[in-house]
Amino acid sequence: MASGGGVARGHLAEERKSWRRSHPHGFVAKPETLPDGSVNLMVWNCIVPGKEGTDWEGGYFPLVLNFDENYPTSAPVCKFPAGFFHVNVYNTGAVCLSILGMEAFHHRAPNSHRHPRPA
């Protein structure tokens, strides 16, 4: 496994075990596999299925979760692929919901046509 994030790594290892035993149907969440075959628990590649009964039904939407050493005290940074279209996602792929706090707004691409509104 990649180094760094001792407490965070311990939490993530336990959460990985729990996820592998039981997780919602259609969702995928796997730690990044490095070129040498080791696993980086600090970066997870995920797929979220579109909700049934919506325009997104049948779709599968990729995102990456980046954890830091302060996890679980601090939330992971969630990022969709650049250019992903959604009203709450910047062109860079960063989530722009005001409930995430001001840090989320620092990921806005220059000249982005979408601007956060103050909470």
PDB file of N, CA and C in Angstrom:
ATOM      1  N   MET A   1       0.840  -1.188   0.000  1.00  0.00           N
ATOM      2  CA  MET A   1       0.000   0.000   0.000  1.00  0.00           C
ATOM      3  C   MET A   1       0.879   1.243   0.000  1.00  0.00           C
ATOM      4  N   ALA A   2       0.321   2.337  -0.553  1.00  0.00           N
ATOM      5  CA  ALA A   2       1.055   3.593  -0.579  1.00  0.00           C
ATOM      6  C   ALA A   2       1.190   4.119   0.843  1.00  0.00           C
ATOM      7  N   SER A   3       2.214   4.944   1.078  1.00  0.00           N
ATOM      8  CA  SER A   3       2.487   5.420   2.432  1.00  0.00           C
ATOM      9  C   SER A   3       1.696   6.675   2.766  1.00  0.00           C
ATOM     10  N   GLY A   4       1.687   7.049   4.056  1.00  0.00           N
ATOM     11  CA  GLY A   4       1.051   8.268   4.529  1.00  0.00           C
ATOM     12  C   GLY A   4      -0.341   8.027   5.080  1.00  0.00           C
ATOM     13  N   GLY A   5      -0.782   8.914   5.993  1.00  0.00           N
ATOM     14  CA  GLY A   5      -2.139   8.873   6.510  1.00  0.00           C
ATOM     15  C   GLY A   5      -2.430   7.693   7.404  1.00  0.00           C
ATOM     16  N   GLY A   6      -1.653   7.487   8.494  1.00  0.00           N
ATOM     17  CA  GLY A   6      -1.805   6.332   9.376  1.00  0.00           C
ATOM     18  C   GLY A   6      -3.202   6.129   9.927  1.00  0.00           C
ATOM     19  N   VAL A   7      -3.757   7.118  10.629  1.00  0.00           N
ATOM     20  CA  VAL A   7      -5.097   6.997  11.197  1.00  0.00           C
ATOM     21  C   VAL A   7      -6.124   6.931  10.069  1.00  0.00           C
ATOM     22  N   ALA A   8      -5.963   7.790   9.084  1.00  0.00           N
ATOM     23  CA  ALA A   8      -6.879   7.792   7.945  1.00  0.00           C
ATOM     24  C   ALA A   8      -6.830   6.445   7.240  1.00  0.00           C
ATOM     25  N   ARG A   9      -5.652   5.932   7.022  1.00  0.00           N
ATOM     26  CA  ARG A   9      -5.484   4.646   6.339  1.00  0.00           C
ATOM     27  C   ARG A   9      -6.186   3.528   7.110  1.00  0.00           C
ATOM     28  N   GLY A  10      -6.091   3.547   8.435  1.00  0.00           N
ATOM     29  CA  GLY A  10      -6.762   2.545   9.253  1.00  0.00           C
ATOM     30  C   GLY A  10      -8.278   2.604   9.087  1.00  0.00           C
ATOM     31  N   HIS A  11      -8.824   3.823   9.127  1.00  0.00           N
ATOM     32  CA  HIS A  11     -10.272   3.987   8.925  1.00  0.00           C
ATOM     33  C   HIS A  11     -10.681   3.508   7.540  1.00  0.00           C
ATOM     34  N   LEU A  12      -9.911   3.895   6.539  1.00  0.00           N
ATOM     35  CA  LEU A  12     -10.249   3.530   5.166  1.00  0.00           C
ATOM     36  C   LEU A  12     -10.152   2.022   4.937  1.00  0.00           C
ATOM     37  N   ALA A  13      -9.181   1.378   5.569  1.00  0.00           N
ATOM     38  CA  ALA A  13      -9.058  -0.084   5.445  1.00  0.00           C
ATOM     39  C   ALA A  13     -10.298  -0.760   6.026  1.00  0.00           C
ATOM     40  N   GLU A  14     -10.767  -0.274   7.184  1.00  0.00           N
ATOM     41  CA  GLU A  14     -11.976  -0.836   7.789  1.00  0.00           C
ATOM     42  C   GLU A  14     -13.205  -0.558   6.930  1.00  0.00           C
ATOM     43  N   GLU A  15     -13.299   0.658   6.395  1.00  0.00           N
ATOM     44  CA  GLU A  15     -14.434   0.999   5.553  1.00  0.00           C
ATOM     45  C   GLU A  15     -14.417   0.183   4.261  1.00  0.00           C
ATOM     46  N   ARG A  16     -13.227  -0.106   3.744  1.00  0.00           N
ATOM     47  CA  ARG A  16     -13.123  -0.944   2.548  1.00  0.00           C
ATOM     48  C   ARG A  16     -13.653  -2.350   2.833  1.00  0.00           C
ATOM     49  N   LYS A  17     -13.284  -2.901   3.984  1.00  0.00           N
ATOM     50  CA  LYS A  17     -13.782  -4.230   4.357  1.00  0.00           C
ATOM     51  C   LYS A  17     -15.303  -4.229   4.450  1.00  0.00           C
ATOM     52  N   SER A  18     -15.839  -3.225   5.103  1.00  0.00           N
ATOM     53  CA  SER A  18     -17.290  -3.116   5.268  1.00  0.00           C
ATOM     54  C   SER A  18     -17.971  -2.965   3.908  1.00  0.00           C
ATOM     55  N   TRP A  19     -17.417  -2.131   3.039  1.00  0.00           N
ATOM     56  CA  TRP A  19     -17.976  -1.902   1.705  1.00  0.00           C
ATOM     57  C   TRP A  19     -17.988  -3.194   0.898  1.00  0.00           C
ATOM     58  N   ARG A  20     -16.911  -3.961   0.987  1.00  0.00           N
ATOM     59  CA  ARG A  20     -16.820  -5.206   0.220  1.00  0.00           C
ATOM     60  C   ARG A  20     -17.854  -6.234   0.688  1.00  0.00           C
ATOM     61  N   ARG A  21     -18.200  -6.192   1.974  1.00  0.00           N
ATOM     62  CA  ARG A  21     -19.225  -7.104   2.502  1.00  0.00           C
ATOM     63  C   ARG A  21     -20.623  -6.690   2.068  1.00  0.00           C
ATOM     64  N   SER A  22     -20.892  -5.384   2.060  1.00  0.00           N
ATOM     65  CA  SER A  22     -22.235  -4.906   1.774  1.00  0.00           C
ATOM     66  C   SER A  22     -22.186  -3.456   1.291  1.00  0.00           C
ATOM     67  N   HIS A  23     -22.733  -3.220   0.104  1.00  0.00           N
ATOM     68  CA  HIS A  23     -22.845  -1.855  -0.413  1.00  0.00           C
ATOM     69  C   HIS A  23     -24.059  -1.770  -1.336  1.00  0.00           C
ATOM     70  N   PRO A  24     -24.542  -0.550  -1.599  1.00  0.00           N
ATOM     71  CA  PRO A  24     -25.731  -0.392  -2.437  1.00  0.00           C
ATOM     72  C   PRO A  24     -25.511  -0.944  -3.847  1.00  0.00           C
ATOM     73  N   HIS A  25     -26.529  -1.599  -4.376  1.00  0.00           N
ATOM     74  CA  HIS A  25     -26.469  -2.178  -5.710  1.00  0.00           C
ATOM     75  C   HIS A  25     -26.146  -1.112  -6.763  1.00  0.00           C
ATOM     76  N   GLY A  26     -25.224  -1.412  -7.641  1.00  0.00           N
ATOM     77  CA  GLY A  26     -24.874  -0.528  -8.741  1.00  0.00           C
ATOM     78  C   GLY A  26     -23.764   0.454  -8.441  1.00  0.00           C
ATOM     79  N   PHE A  27     -23.448   0.655  -7.175  1.00  0.00           N
ATOM     80  CA  PHE A  27     -22.378   1.577  -6.799  1.00  0.00           C
ATOM     81  C   PHE A  27     -21.047   0.835  -6.809  1.00  0.00           C
ATOM     82  N   VAL A  28     -19.989   1.529  -7.213  1.00  0.00           N
ATOM     83  CA  VAL A  28     -18.639   0.968  -7.210  1.00  0.00           C
ATOM     84  C   VAL A  28     -17.735   1.949  -6.463  1.00  0.00           C
ATOM     85  N   ALA A  29     -16.879   1.435  -5.598  1.00  0.00           N
ATOM     86  CA  ALA A  29     -15.884   2.257  -4.902  1.00  0.00           C
ATOM     87  C   ALA A  29     -14.671   1.375  -4.641  1.00  0.00           C
ATOM     88  N   LYS A  30     -13.560   1.700  -5.298  1.00  0.00           N
ATOM     89  CA  LYS A  30     -12.341   0.903  -5.166  1.00  0.00           C
ATOM     90  C   LYS A  30     -11.139   1.813  -4.995  1.00  0.00           C
ATOM     91  N   PRO A  31     -10.257   1.467  -4.055  1.00  0.00           N
ATOM     92  CA  PRO A  31      -9.023   2.242  -3.937  1.00  0.00           C
ATOM     93  C   PRO A  31      -8.217   2.152  -5.228  1.00  0.00           C
ATOM     94  N   GLU A  32      -7.476   3.202  -5.489  1.00  0.00           N
ATOM     95  CA  GLU A  32      -6.624   3.266  -6.674  1.00  0.00           C
ATOM     96  C   GLU A  32      -5.563   2.165  -6.637  1.00  0.00           C
ATOM     97  N   THR A  33      -5.349   1.520  -7.766  1.00  0.00           N
ATOM     98  CA  THR A  33      -4.280   0.536  -7.887  1.00  0.00           C
ATOM     99  C   THR A  33      -3.102   1.222  -8.574  1.00  0.00           C
ATOM    100  N   LEU A  34      -1.945   1.175  -7.925  1.00  0.00           N
ATOM    101  CA  LEU A  34      -0.737   1.809  -8.450  1.00  0.00           C
ATOM    102  C   LEU A  34      -0.069   0.902  -9.480  1.00  0.00           C
ATOM    103  N   PRO A  35       0.815   1.467 -10.308  1.00  0.00           N
ATOM    104  CA  PRO A  35       1.475   0.667 -11.353  1.00  0.00           C
ATOM    105  C   PRO A  35       2.191  -0.581 -10.832  1.00  0.00           C
ATOM    106  N   ASP A  36       2.664  -0.535  -9.583  1.00  0.00           N
ATOM    107  CA  ASP A  36       3.366  -1.703  -9.030  1.00  0.00           C
ATOM    108  C   ASP A  36       2.403  -2.741  -8.450  1.00  0.00           C
ATOM    109  N   GLY A  37       1.085  -2.478  -8.584  1.00  0.00           N
ATOM    110  CA  GLY A  37       0.079  -3.416  -8.090  1.00  0.00           C
ATOM    111  C   GLY A  37      -0.371  -3.157  -6.668  1.00  0.00           C
ATOM    112  N   SER A  38       0.277  -2.223  -5.965  1.00  0.00           N
ATOM    113  CA  SER A  38      -0.141  -1.896  -4.601  1.00  0.00           C
ATOM    114  C   SER A  38      -1.398  -1.032  -4.641  1.00  0.00           C
ATOM    115  N   VAL A  39      -2.051  -0.910  -3.486  1.00  0.00           N
ATOM    116  CA  VAL A  39      -3.304  -0.175  -3.386  1.00  0.00           C
ATOM    117  C   VAL A  39      -3.074   1.125  -2.623  1.00  0.00           C
ATOM    118  N   ASN A  40      -3.599   2.221  -3.157  1.00  0.00           N
ATOM    119  CA  ASN A  40      -3.534   3.524  -2.499  1.00  0.00           C
ATOM    120  C   ASN A  40      -4.895   3.801  -1.876  1.00  0.00           C
ATOM    121  N   LEU A  41      -5.015   3.592  -0.577  1.00  0.00           N
ATOM    122  CA  LEU A  41      -6.291   3.806   0.115  1.00  0.00           C
ATOM    123  C   LEU A  41      -6.698   5.273   0.192  1.00  0.00           C
ATOM    124  N   MET A  42      -5.803   6.182  -0.144  1.00  0.00           N
ATOM    125  CA  MET A  42      -6.103   7.607  -0.039  1.00  0.00           C
ATOM    126  C   MET A  42      -6.816   8.151  -1.279  1.00  0.00           C
ATOM    127  N   VAL A  43      -6.918   7.356  -2.344  1.00  0.00           N
ATOM    128  CA  VAL A  43      -7.618   7.754  -3.571  1.00  0.00           C
ATOM    129  C   VAL A  43      -8.528   6.611  -3.994  1.00  0.00           C
ATOM    130  N   TRP A  44      -9.830   6.892  -4.112  1.00  0.00           N
ATOM    131  CA  TRP A  44     -10.807   5.873  -4.496  1.00  0.00           C
ATOM    132  C   TRP A  44     -11.473   6.269  -5.804  1.00  0.00           C
ATOM    133  N   ASN A  45     -11.565   5.316  -6.718  1.00  0.00           N
ATOM    134  CA  ASN A  45     -12.285   5.504  -7.974  1.00  0.00           C
ATOM    135  C   ASN A  45     -13.683   4.919  -7.788  1.00  0.00           C
ATOM    136  N   CYS A  46     -14.676   5.721  -8.087  1.00  0.00           N
ATOM    137  CA  CYS A  46     -16.060   5.335  -7.799  1.00  0.00           C
ATOM    138  C   CYS A  46     -16.943   5.493  -9.031  1.00  0.00           C
ATOM    139  N   ILE A  47     -18.055   4.786  -9.005  1.00  0.00           N
ATOM    140  CA  ILE A  47     -19.099   4.939 -10.017  1.00  0.00           C
ATOM    141  C   ILE A  47     -20.426   5.003  -9.273  1.00  0.00           C
ATOM    142  N   VAL A  48     -21.219   6.010  -9.611  1.00  0.00           N
ATOM    143  CA  VAL A  48     -22.529   6.210  -9.007  1.00  0.00           C
ATOM    144  C   VAL A  48     -23.572   6.001 -10.099  1.00  0.00           C
ATOM    145  N   PRO A  49     -24.528   5.098  -9.870  1.00  0.00           N
ATOM    146  CA  PRO A  49     -25.570   4.891 -10.884  1.00  0.00           C
ATOM    147  C   PRO A  49     -26.601   6.012 -10.848  1.00  0.00           C
ATOM    148  N   GLY A  50     -27.186   6.299 -12.012  1.00  0.00           N
ATOM    149  CA  GLY A  50     -28.266   7.282 -12.076  1.00  0.00           C
ATOM    150  C   GLY A  50     -29.489   6.770 -11.337  1.00  0.00           C
ATOM    151  N   LYS A  51     -30.175   7.669 -10.660  1.00  0.00           N
ATOM    152  CA  LYS A  51     -31.342   7.290  -9.871  1.00  0.00           C
ATOM    153  C   LYS A  51     -32.502   6.864 -10.768  1.00  0.00           C
ATOM    154  N   GLU A  52     -33.139   5.761 -10.375  1.00  0.00           N
ATOM    155  CA  GLU A  52     -34.301   5.268 -11.110  1.00  0.00           C
ATOM    156  C   GLU A  52     -35.392   6.326 -11.141  1.00  0.00           C
ATOM    157  N   GLY A  53     -36.098   6.390 -12.252  1.00  0.00           N
ATOM    158  CA  GLY A  53     -37.206   7.328 -12.379  1.00  0.00           C
ATOM    159  C   GLY A  53     -36.781   8.746 -12.695  1.00  0.00           C
ATOM    160  N   THR A  54     -35.491   8.959 -12.990  1.00  0.00           N
ATOM    161  CA  THR A  54     -35.006  10.288 -13.353  1.00  0.00           C
ATOM    162  C   THR A  54     -34.390  10.223 -14.748  1.00  0.00           C
ATOM    163  N   ASP A  55     -34.036  11.378 -15.286  1.00  0.00           N
ATOM    164  CA  ASP A  55     -33.366  11.421 -16.590  1.00  0.00           C
ATOM    165  C   ASP A  55     -32.008  10.722 -16.547  1.00  0.00           C
ATOM    166  N   TRP A  56     -31.465  10.524 -15.365  1.00  0.00           N
ATOM    167  CA  TRP A  56     -30.146   9.916 -15.209  1.00  0.00           C
ATOM    168  C   TRP A  56     -30.209   8.394 -15.070  1.00  0.00           C
ATOM    169  N   GLU A  57     -31.415   7.842 -14.995  1.00  0.00           N
ATOM    170  CA  GLU A  57     -31.573   6.391 -14.864  1.00  0.00           C
ATOM    171  C   GLU A  57     -30.846   5.684 -16.006  1.00  0.00           C
ATOM    172  N   GLY A  58     -30.125   4.630 -15.679  1.00  0.00           N
ATOM    173  CA  GLY A  58     -29.379   3.868 -16.672  1.00  0.00           C
ATOM    174  C   GLY A  58     -27.972   4.386 -16.898  1.00  0.00           C
ATOM    175  N   GLY A  59     -27.667   5.573 -16.380  1.00  0.00           N
ATOM    176  CA  GLY A  59     -26.325   6.135 -16.516  1.00  0.00           C
ATOM    177  C   GLY A  59     -25.439   5.713 -15.364  1.00  0.00           C
ATOM    178  N   TYR A  60     -24.146   5.721 -15.602  1.00  0.00           N
ATOM    179  CA  TYR A  60     -23.161   5.428 -14.562  1.00  0.00           C
ATOM    180  C   TYR A  60     -22.155   6.564 -14.583  1.00  0.00           C
ATOM    181  N   PHE A  61     -21.982   7.211 -13.427  1.00  0.00           N
ATOM    182  CA  PHE A  61     -21.234   8.450 -13.360  1.00  0.00           C
ATOM    183  C   PHE A  61     -19.977   8.291 -12.502  1.00  0.00           C
ATOM    184  N   PRO A  62     -18.803   8.471 -13.117  1.00  0.00           N
ATOM    185  CA  PRO A  62     -17.540   8.279 -12.399  1.00  0.00           C
ATOM    186  C   PRO A  62     -17.184   9.486 -11.540  1.00  0.00           C
ATOM    187  N   LEU A  63     -16.557   9.227 -10.413  1.00  0.00           N
ATOM    188  CA  LEU A  63     -15.972  10.275  -9.603  1.00  0.00           C
ATOM    189  C   LEU A  63     -14.800   9.702  -8.832  1.00  0.00           C
ATOM    190  N   VAL A  64     -13.935  10.591  -8.376  1.00  0.00           N
ATOM    191  CA  VAL A  64     -12.762  10.205  -7.598  1.00  0.00           C
ATOM    192  C   VAL A  64     -12.879  10.852  -6.225  1.00  0.00           C
ATOM    193  N   LEU A  65     -12.611  10.073  -5.178  1.00  0.00           N
ATOM    194  CA  LEU A  65     -12.561  10.587  -3.804  1.00  0.00           C
ATOM    195  C   LEU A  65     -11.099  10.644  -3.387  1.00  0.00           C
ATOM    196  N   ASN A  66     -10.645  11.822  -2.999  1.00  0.00           N
ATOM    197  CA  ASN A  66      -9.282  12.014  -2.510  1.00  0.00           C
ATOM    198  C   ASN A  66      -9.334  12.310  -1.020  1.00  0.00           C
ATOM    199  N   PHE A  67      -8.749  11.417  -0.235  1.00  0.00           N
ATOM    200  CA  PHE A  67      -8.719  11.557   1.222  1.00  0.00           C
ATOM    201  C   PHE A  67      -7.384  12.150   1.642  1.00  0.00           C
ATOM    202  N   ASP A  68      -7.381  12.850   2.775  1.00  0.00           N
ATOM    203  CA  ASP A  68      -6.102  13.328   3.321  1.00  0.00           C
ATOM    204  C   ASP A  68      -5.858  12.709   4.685  1.00  0.00           C
ATOM    205  N   GLU A  69      -4.728  13.054   5.290  1.00  0.00           N
ATOM    206  CA  GLU A  69      -4.335  12.461   6.570  1.00  0.00           C
ATOM    207  C   GLU A  69      -5.314  12.741   7.697  1.00  0.00           C
ATOM    208  N   ASN A  70      -6.158  13.750   7.540  1.00  0.00           N
ATOM    209  CA  ASN A  70      -7.103  14.132   8.590  1.00  0.00           C
ATOM    210  C   ASN A  70      -8.428  13.375   8.532  1.00  0.00           C
ATOM    211  N   TYR A  71      -8.590  12.491   7.553  1.00  0.00           N
ATOM    212  CA  TYR A  71      -9.810  11.694   7.469  1.00  0.00           C
ATOM    213  C   TYR A  71      -9.866  10.758   8.672  1.00  0.00           C
ATOM    214  N   PRO A  72     -10.980  10.599   9.344  1.00  0.00           N
ATOM    215  CA  PRO A  72     -12.336  11.008   9.005  1.00  0.00           C
ATOM    216  C   PRO A  72     -12.756  12.369   9.550  1.00  0.00           C
ATOM    217  N   THR A  73     -11.842  13.113  10.165  1.00  0.00           N
ATOM    218  CA  THR A  73     -12.198  14.434  10.669  1.00  0.00           C
ATOM    219  C   THR A  73     -12.543  15.376   9.527  1.00  0.00           C
ATOM    220  N   SER A  74     -11.812  15.283   8.429  1.00  0.00           N
ATOM    221  CA  SER A  74     -12.121  16.105   7.263  1.00  0.00           C
ATOM    222  C   SER A  74     -12.656  15.219   6.143  1.00  0.00           C
ATOM    223  N   ALA A  75     -13.583  15.759   5.409  1.00  0.00           N
ATOM    224  CA  ALA A  75     -14.226  15.007   4.320  1.00  0.00           C
ATOM    225  C   ALA A  75     -13.290  14.858   3.128  1.00  0.00           C
ATOM    226  N   PRO A  76     -13.486  13.817   2.338  1.00  0.00           N
ATOM    227  CA  PRO A  76     -12.686  13.689   1.116  1.00  0.00           C
ATOM    228  C   PRO A  76     -13.105  14.743   0.095  1.00  0.00           C
ATOM    229  N   VAL A  77     -12.217  15.030  -0.834  1.00  0.00           N
ATOM    230  CA  VAL A  77     -12.541  15.902  -1.953  1.00  0.00           C
ATOM    231  C   VAL A  77     -13.103  15.002  -3.046  1.00  0.00           C
ATOM    232  N   CYS A  78     -14.307  15.310  -3.499  1.00  0.00           N
ATOM    233  CA  CYS A  78     -14.978  14.534  -4.552  1.00  0.00           C
ATOM    234  C   CYS A  78     -14.828  15.284  -5.859  1.00  0.00           C
ATOM    235  N   LYS A  79     -14.428  14.570  -6.900  1.00  0.00           N
ATOM    236  CA  LYS A  79     -14.245  15.222  -8.191  1.00  0.00           C
ATOM    237  C   LYS A  79     -14.731  14.322  -9.316  1.00  0.00           C
ATOM    238  N   PHE A  80     -15.552  14.907 -10.180  1.00  0.00           N
ATOM    239  CA  PHE A  80     -16.012  14.232 -11.386  1.00  0.00           C
ATOM    240  C   PHE A  80     -15.001  14.512 -12.497  1.00  0.00           C
ATOM    241  N   PRO A  81     -15.074  13.799 -13.615  1.00  0.00           N
ATOM    242  CA  PRO A  81     -14.149  14.091 -14.714  1.00  0.00           C
ATOM    243  C   PRO A  81     -14.338  15.527 -15.219  1.00  0.00           C
ATOM    244  N   ALA A  82     -13.258  16.151 -15.677  1.00  0.00           N
ATOM    245  CA  ALA A  82     -13.348  17.498 -16.240  1.00  0.00           C
ATOM    246  C   ALA A  82     -14.352  17.475 -17.389  1.00  0.00           C
ATOM    247  N   GLY A  83     -15.187  18.514 -17.448  1.00  0.00           N
ATOM    248  CA  GLY A  83     -16.190  18.603 -18.493  1.00  0.00           C
ATOM    249  C   GLY A  83     -17.496  17.904 -18.162  1.00  0.00           C
ATOM    250  N   PHE A  84     -17.563  17.252 -17.010  1.00  0.00           N
ATOM    251  CA  PHE A  84     -18.796  16.574 -16.589  1.00  0.00           C
ATOM    252  C   PHE A  84     -19.888  17.620 -16.434  1.00  0.00           C
ATOM    253  N   PHE A  85     -21.030  17.398 -17.064  1.00  0.00           N
ATOM    254  CA  PHE A  85     -22.098  18.397 -17.001  1.00  0.00           C
ATOM    255  C   PHE A  85     -23.096  18.075 -15.910  1.00  0.00           C
ATOM    256  N   HIS A  86     -23.208  18.981 -14.968  1.00  0.00           N
ATOM    257  CA  HIS A  86     -24.227  18.943 -13.924  1.00  0.00           C
ATOM    258  C   HIS A  86     -24.276  20.334 -13.316  1.00  0.00           C
ATOM    259  N   VAL A  87     -25.447  20.774 -12.924  1.00  0.00           N
ATOM    260  CA  VAL A  87     -25.614  22.124 -12.396  1.00  0.00           C
ATOM    261  C   VAL A  87     -24.750  22.377 -11.153  1.00  0.00           C
ATOM    262  N   ASN A  88     -24.436  21.346 -10.372  1.00  0.00           N
ATOM    263  CA  ASN A  88     -23.641  21.510  -9.156  1.00  0.00           C
ATOM    264  C   ASN A  88     -22.210  21.014  -9.305  1.00  0.00           C
ATOM    265  N   VAL A  89     -21.723  20.950 -10.546  1.00  0.00           N
ATOM    266  CA  VAL A  89     -20.346  20.528 -10.802  1.00  0.00           C
ATOM    267  C   VAL A  89     -19.704  21.545 -11.740  1.00  0.00           C
ATOM    268  N   TYR A  90     -18.536  22.069 -11.339  1.00  0.00           N
ATOM    269  CA  TYR A  90     -17.801  22.998 -12.194  1.00  0.00           C
ATOM    270  C   TYR A  90     -17.207  22.274 -13.385  1.00  0.00           C
ATOM    271  N   ASN A  91     -16.791  23.035 -14.392  1.00  0.00           N
ATOM    272  CA  ASN A  91     -16.175  22.460 -15.586  1.00  0.00           C
ATOM    273  C   ASN A  91     -14.931  21.635 -15.249  1.00  0.00           C
ATOM    274  N   THR A  92     -14.294  21.950 -14.129  1.00  0.00           N
ATOM    275  CA  THR A  92     -13.099  21.211 -13.703  1.00  0.00           C
ATOM    276  C   THR A  92     -13.450  19.847 -13.119  1.00  0.00           C
ATOM    277  N   GLY A  93     -14.733  19.625 -12.818  1.00  0.00           N
ATOM    278  CA  GLY A  93     -15.174  18.390 -12.178  1.00  0.00           C
ATOM    279  C   GLY A  93     -15.377  18.546 -10.682  1.00  0.00           C
ATOM    280  N   ALA A  94     -14.993  19.680 -10.114  1.00  0.00           N
ATOM    281  CA  ALA A  94     -15.162  19.917  -8.679  1.00  0.00           C
ATOM    282  C   ALA A  94     -16.625  20.169  -8.357  1.00  0.00           C
ATOM    283  N   VAL A  95     -17.084  19.606  -7.237  1.00  0.00           N
ATOM    284  CA  VAL A  95     -18.452  19.799  -6.775  1.00  0.00           C
ATOM    285  C   VAL A  95     -18.582  21.207  -6.221  1.00  0.00           C
ATOM    286  N   CYS A  96     -19.688  21.901  -6.538  1.00  0.00           N
ATOM    287  CA  CYS A  96     -19.840  23.294  -6.115  1.00  0.00           C
ATOM    288  C   CYS A  96     -21.091  23.534  -5.293  1.00  0.00           C
ATOM    289  N   LEU A  97     -21.421  22.614  -4.398  1.00  0.00           N
ATOM    290  CA  LEU A  97     -22.552  22.813  -3.506  1.00  0.00           C
ATOM    291  C   LEU A  97     -22.148  23.701  -2.340  1.00  0.00           C
ATOM    292  N   SER A  98     -22.945  24.685  -2.024  1.00  0.00           N
ATOM    293  CA  SER A  98     -22.609  25.613  -0.938  1.00  0.00           C
ATOM    294  C   SER A  98     -22.532  24.916   0.408  1.00  0.00           C
ATOM    295  N   ILE A  99     -23.225  23.776   0.581  1.00  0.00           N
ATOM    296  CA  ILE A  99     -23.190  23.080   1.863  1.00  0.00           C
ATOM    297  C   ILE A  99     -21.823  22.463   2.144  1.00  0.00           C
ATOM    298  N   LEU A 100     -20.954  22.403   1.133  1.00  0.00           N
ATOM    299  CA  LEU A 100     -19.616  21.846   1.335  1.00  0.00           C
ATOM    300  C   LEU A 100     -18.657  22.862   1.935  1.00  0.00           C
ATOM    301  N   GLY A 101     -19.054  24.127   2.006  1.00  0.00           N
ATOM    302  CA  GLY A 101     -18.182  25.152   2.564  1.00  0.00           C
ATOM    303  C   GLY A 101     -17.424  25.878   1.468  1.00  0.00           C
ATOM    304  N   MET A 102     -16.759  26.922   1.822  1.00  0.00           N
ATOM    305  CA  MET A 102     -16.090  27.764   0.837  1.00  0.00           C
ATOM    306  C   MET A 102     -14.931  27.072   0.129  1.00  0.00           C
ATOM    307  N   GLU A 103     -14.304  26.064   0.743  1.00  0.00           N
ATOM    308  CA  GLU A 103     -13.191  25.381   0.086  1.00  0.00           C
ATOM    309  C   GLU A 103     -13.605  24.829  -1.274  1.00  0.00           C
ATOM    310  N   ALA A 104     -14.845  24.398  -1.397  1.00  0.00           N
ATOM    311  CA  ALA A 104     -15.320  23.822  -2.652  1.00  0.00           C
ATOM    312  C   ALA A 104     -15.282  24.842  -3.784  1.00  0.00           C
ATOM    313  N   PHE A 105     -15.428  26.121  -3.449  1.00  0.00           N
ATOM    314  CA  PHE A 105     -15.476  27.141  -4.482  1.00  0.00           C
ATOM    315  C   PHE A 105     -14.091  27.484  -5.028  1.00  0.00           C
ATOM    316  N   HIS A 106     -13.037  27.121  -4.343  1.00  0.00           N
ATOM    317  CA  HIS A 106     -11.686  27.414  -4.811  1.00  0.00           C
ATOM    318  C   HIS A 106     -11.297  26.554  -5.994  1.00  0.00           C
ATOM    319  N   HIS A 107     -12.089  25.535  -6.307  1.00  0.00           N
ATOM    320  CA  HIS A 107     -11.779  24.642  -7.422  1.00  0.00           C
ATOM    321  C   HIS A 107     -12.406  25.118  -8.731  1.00  0.00           C
ATOM    322  N   ARG A 108     -13.077  26.278  -8.700  1.00  0.00           N
ATOM    323  CA  ARG A 108     -13.759  26.775  -9.899  1.00  0.00           C
ATOM    324  C   ARG A 108     -12.738  27.132 -10.968  1.00  0.00           C
ATOM    325  N   ALA A 109     -13.034  26.722 -12.174  1.00  0.00           N
ATOM    326  CA  ALA A 109     -12.157  27.032 -13.295  1.00  0.00           C
ATOM    327  C   ALA A 109     -12.241  28.517 -13.613  1.00  0.00           C
ATOM    328  N   PRO A 110     -11.125  29.140 -14.012  1.00  0.00           N
ATOM    329  CA  PRO A 110     -11.188  30.538 -14.442  1.00  0.00           C
ATOM    330  C   PRO A 110     -12.175  30.660 -15.602  1.00  0.00           C
ATOM    331  N   ASN A 111     -12.902  31.754 -15.637  1.00  0.00           N
ATOM    332  CA  ASN A 111     -13.867  32.032 -16.695  1.00  0.00           C
ATOM    333  C   ASN A 111     -15.009  31.028 -16.751  1.00  0.00           C
ATOM    334  N   SER A 112     -15.239  30.275 -15.663  1.00  0.00           N
ATOM    335  CA  SER A 112     -16.361  29.338 -15.636  1.00  0.00           C
ATOM    336  C   SER A 112     -17.652  30.128 -15.727  1.00  0.00           C
ATOM    337  N   HIS A 113     -18.623  29.581 -16.454  1.00  0.00           N
ATOM    338  CA  HIS A 113     -19.902  30.280 -16.605  1.00  0.00           C
ATOM    339  C   HIS A 113     -20.796  30.072 -15.395  1.00  0.00           C
ATOM    340  N   ARG A 114     -20.424  29.191 -14.498  1.00  0.00           N
ATOM    341  CA  ARG A 114     -21.231  28.936 -13.298  1.00  0.00           C
ATOM    342  C   ARG A 114     -20.541  29.557 -12.094  1.00  0.00           C
ATOM    343  N   HIS A 115     -21.275  30.339 -11.337  1.00  0.00           N
ATOM    344  CA  HIS A 115     -20.700  31.012 -10.180  1.00  0.00           C
ATOM    345  C   HIS A 115     -21.450  30.617  -8.912  1.00  0.00           C
ATOM    346  N   PRO A 116     -20.732  30.367  -7.819  1.00  0.00           N
ATOM    347  CA  PRO A 116     -21.420  30.013  -6.567  1.00  0.00           C
ATOM    348  C   PRO A 116     -22.168  31.212  -6.012  1.00  0.00           C
ATOM    349  N   ARG A 117     -23.283  30.947  -5.399  1.00  0.00           N
ATOM    350  CA  ARG A 117     -24.048  31.989  -4.725  1.00  0.00           C
ATOM    351  C   ARG A 117     -23.705  31.929  -3.246  1.00  0.00           C
ATOM    352  N   PRO A 118     -23.617  33.083  -2.584  1.00  0.00           N
ATOM    353  CA  PRO A 118     -23.351  33.067  -1.134  1.00  0.00           C
ATOM    354  C   PRO A 118     -24.454  32.320  -0.388  1.00  0.00           C
ATOM    355  N   ALA A 119     -24.086  31.631   0.674  1.00  0.00           N
ATOM    356  CA  ALA A 119     -25.066  30.874   1.465  1.00  0.00           C
ATOM    357  C   ALA A 119     -25.877  31.803   2.346  1.00  0.00           C
TER     358      ALA A 119
END
